[in-house]
Amino acid sequence: MPRFVIERTLPDLSPEELQKAGKKVIAEAAKMNGVTWIKSSISQSEGKSYCEFEAPNLETLKEHSDKVGLPVDKITAIDLEVDPNMFR
């Protein structure tokens, strides 16, 4: 399944708001064929989140974000994944 990273500009979310948004992301992904949230990284100082997903295609991932109500600044397809263990 293709992987993507979504860059989002987000306000500083309270723990309760983050909990609510996360649950909504999971619930909507469960309704959509092939959409899986892998993980997210948040930079509060930059007001950004970087969310990794598996999805059949870019359009399906955009649809998921629309249904969840989260902004999308940029979606990047991941072509190759590397980690330090590959170079030892």
C-alpha atoms as a PDB file:
ATOM      1  CA  MET A   1       0.000   0.000   0.000  1.00  0.00           C
ATOM      2  CA  PRO A   2       1.393   3.463  -0.852  1.00  0.00           C
ATOM      3  CA  ARG A   3       2.496   5.704   2.013  1.00  0.00           C
ATOM      4  CA  PHE A   4       2.145   9.449   2.288  1.00  0.00           C
ATOM      5  CA  VAL A   5       3.086  12.264   4.680  1.00  0.00           C
ATOM      6  CA  ILE A   6       0.602  15.083   5.206  1.00  0.00           C
ATOM      7  CA  GLU A   7       1.968  18.423   6.393  1.00  0.00           C
ATOM      8  CA  ARG A   8      -0.630  20.439   8.284  1.00  0.00           C
ATOM      9  CA  THR A   9      -0.640  23.850   9.935  1.00  0.00           C
ATOM     10  CA  LEU A  10      -2.446  23.473  13.234  1.00  0.00           C
ATOM     11  CA  PRO A  11      -3.101  25.709  16.209  1.00  0.00           C
ATOM     12  CA  ASP A  12      -1.738  24.620  19.572  1.00  0.00           C
ATOM     13  CA  LEU A  13      -4.215  21.917  20.595  1.00  0.00           C
ATOM     14  CA  SER A  14      -5.149  21.153  24.163  1.00  0.00           C
ATOM     15  CA  PRO A  15      -4.795  17.526  25.250  1.00  0.00           C
ATOM     16  CA  GLU A  16      -8.586  17.176  24.995  1.00  0.00           C
ATOM     17  CA  GLU A  17      -8.670  18.630  21.462  1.00  0.00           C
ATOM     18  CA  LEU A  18      -5.816  16.377  20.376  1.00  0.00           C
ATOM     19  CA  GLN A  19      -7.638  13.346  21.829  1.00  0.00           C
ATOM     20  CA  LYS A  20     -10.839  14.275  19.986  1.00  0.00           C
ATOM     21  CA  ALA A  21      -9.017  14.848  16.677  1.00  0.00           C
ATOM     22  CA  GLY A  22      -7.095  11.572  16.976  1.00  0.00           C
ATOM     23  CA  LYS A  23     -10.255   9.588  17.627  1.00  0.00           C
ATOM     24  CA  LYS A  24     -11.947  11.215  14.641  1.00  0.00           C
ATOM     25  CA  VAL A  25      -8.971  10.379  12.376  1.00  0.00           C
ATOM     26  CA  ILE A  26      -9.142   6.721  13.463  1.00  0.00           C
ATOM     27  CA  ALA A  27     -12.933   6.498  13.120  1.00  0.00           C
ATOM     28  CA  GLU A  28     -12.993   7.965   9.608  1.00  0.00           C
ATOM     29  CA  ALA A  29     -10.059   5.810   8.476  1.00  0.00           C
ATOM     30  CA  ALA A  30     -11.957   2.713   9.641  1.00  0.00           C
ATOM     31  CA  LYS A  31     -14.818   3.662   7.309  1.00  0.00           C
ATOM     32  CA  MET A  32     -12.535   4.045   4.276  1.00  0.00           C
ATOM     33  CA  ASN A  33     -11.029   1.133   2.404  1.00  0.00           C
ATOM     34  CA  GLY A  34      -7.238   1.078   2.710  1.00  0.00           C
ATOM     35  CA  VAL A  35      -6.667   4.206   4.832  1.00  0.00           C
ATOM     36  CA  THR A  36      -4.417   3.607   7.852  1.00  0.00           C
ATOM     37  CA  TRP A  37      -2.922   6.236  10.136  1.00  0.00           C
ATOM     38  CA  ILE A  38       0.671   5.201  10.897  1.00  0.00           C
ATOM     39  CA  LYS A  39       1.884   8.004  13.147  1.00  0.00           C
ATOM     40  CA  SER A  40       2.111  11.769  13.530  1.00  0.00           C
ATOM     41  CA  SER A  41       4.820  14.132  14.707  1.00  0.00           C
ATOM     42  CA  ILE A  42       3.891  17.557  16.034  1.00  0.00           C
ATOM     43  CA  SER A  43       6.066  20.655  16.220  1.00  0.00           C
ATOM     44  CA  GLN A  44       4.249  23.012  18.569  1.00  0.00           C
ATOM     45  CA  SER A  45       6.887  25.714  18.044  1.00  0.00           C
ATOM     46  CA  GLU A  46       6.229  25.656  14.277  1.00  0.00           C
ATOM     47  CA  GLY A  47       2.482  25.007  14.519  1.00  0.00           C
ATOM     48  CA  LYS A  48       2.864  21.995  12.216  1.00  0.00           C
ATOM     49  CA  SER A  49       2.029  18.324  12.219  1.00  0.00           C
ATOM     50  CA  TYR A  50       3.450  15.654   9.931  1.00  0.00           C
ATOM     51  CA  CYS A  51       1.114  12.675   9.622  1.00  0.00           C
ATOM     52  CA  GLU A  52       2.101   9.409   7.970  1.00  0.00           C
ATOM     53  CA  PHE A  53      -0.643   7.336   6.356  1.00  0.00           C
ATOM     54  CA  GLU A  54      -1.117   4.358   4.115  1.00  0.00           C
ATOM     55  CA  ALA A  55      -3.779   4.950   1.483  1.00  0.00           C
ATOM     56  CA  PRO A  56      -4.650   3.606  -1.955  1.00  0.00           C
ATOM     57  CA  ASN A  57      -4.004   7.019  -3.541  1.00  0.00           C
ATOM     58  CA  LEU A  58      -3.688  10.747  -2.961  1.00  0.00           C
ATOM     59  CA  GLU A  59      -7.348  11.462  -3.685  1.00  0.00           C
ATOM     60  CA  THR A  60      -8.554   9.024  -1.021  1.00  0.00           C
ATOM     61  CA  LEU A  61      -6.246  10.618   1.527  1.00  0.00           C
ATOM     62  CA  LYS A  62      -7.509  14.114   0.644  1.00  0.00           C
ATOM     63  CA  GLU A  63     -11.075  12.836   1.057  1.00  0.00           C
ATOM     64  CA  HIS A  64     -10.180  11.461   4.502  1.00  0.00           C
ATOM     65  CA  SER A  65      -8.747  14.826   5.603  1.00  0.00           C
ATOM     66  CA  ASP A  66     -11.875  16.609   4.341  1.00  0.00           C
ATOM     67  CA  LYS A  67     -14.135  14.254   6.292  1.00  0.00           C
ATOM     68  CA  VAL A  68     -12.056  14.696   9.459  1.00  0.00           C
ATOM     69  CA  GLY A  69     -11.966  18.469   9.016  1.00  0.00           C
ATOM     70  CA  LEU A  70      -8.190  18.839   9.271  1.00  0.00           C
ATOM     71  CA  PRO A  71      -6.240  21.170   6.995  1.00  0.00           C
ATOM     72  CA  VAL A  72      -3.775  19.922   4.406  1.00  0.00           C
ATOM     73  CA  ASP A  73      -0.816  22.091   3.440  1.00  0.00           C
ATOM     74  CA  LYS A  74       1.002  19.460   1.426  1.00  0.00           C
ATOM     75  CA  ILE A  75       0.878  15.719   0.764  1.00  0.00           C
ATOM     76  CA  THR A  76       4.089  13.946  -0.184  1.00  0.00           C
ATOM     77  CA  ALA A  77       4.309  10.369  -1.444  1.00  0.00           C
ATOM     78  CA  ILE A  78       6.963   8.269   0.279  1.00  0.00           C
ATOM     79  CA  ASP A  79       8.987   6.428  -2.347  1.00  0.00           C
ATOM     80  CA  LEU A  80      11.696   4.922  -0.171  1.00  0.00           C
ATOM     81  CA  GLU A  81      12.000   4.353   3.557  1.00  0.00           C
ATOM     82  CA  VAL A  82      15.428   4.071   5.171  1.00  0.00           C
ATOM     83  CA  ASP A  83      16.678   3.735   8.735  1.00  0.00           C
ATOM     84  CA  PRO A  84      20.135   3.668  10.363  1.00  0.00           C
ATOM     85  CA  ASN A  85      20.208  -0.125  10.598  1.00  0.00           C
ATOM     86  CA  MET A  86      20.365  -0.329   6.819  1.00  0.00           C
ATOM     87  CA  PHE A  87      23.816   1.318   6.856  1.00  0.00           C
ATOM     88  CA  ARG A  88      25.601  -0.648   9.566  1.00  0.00           C
END
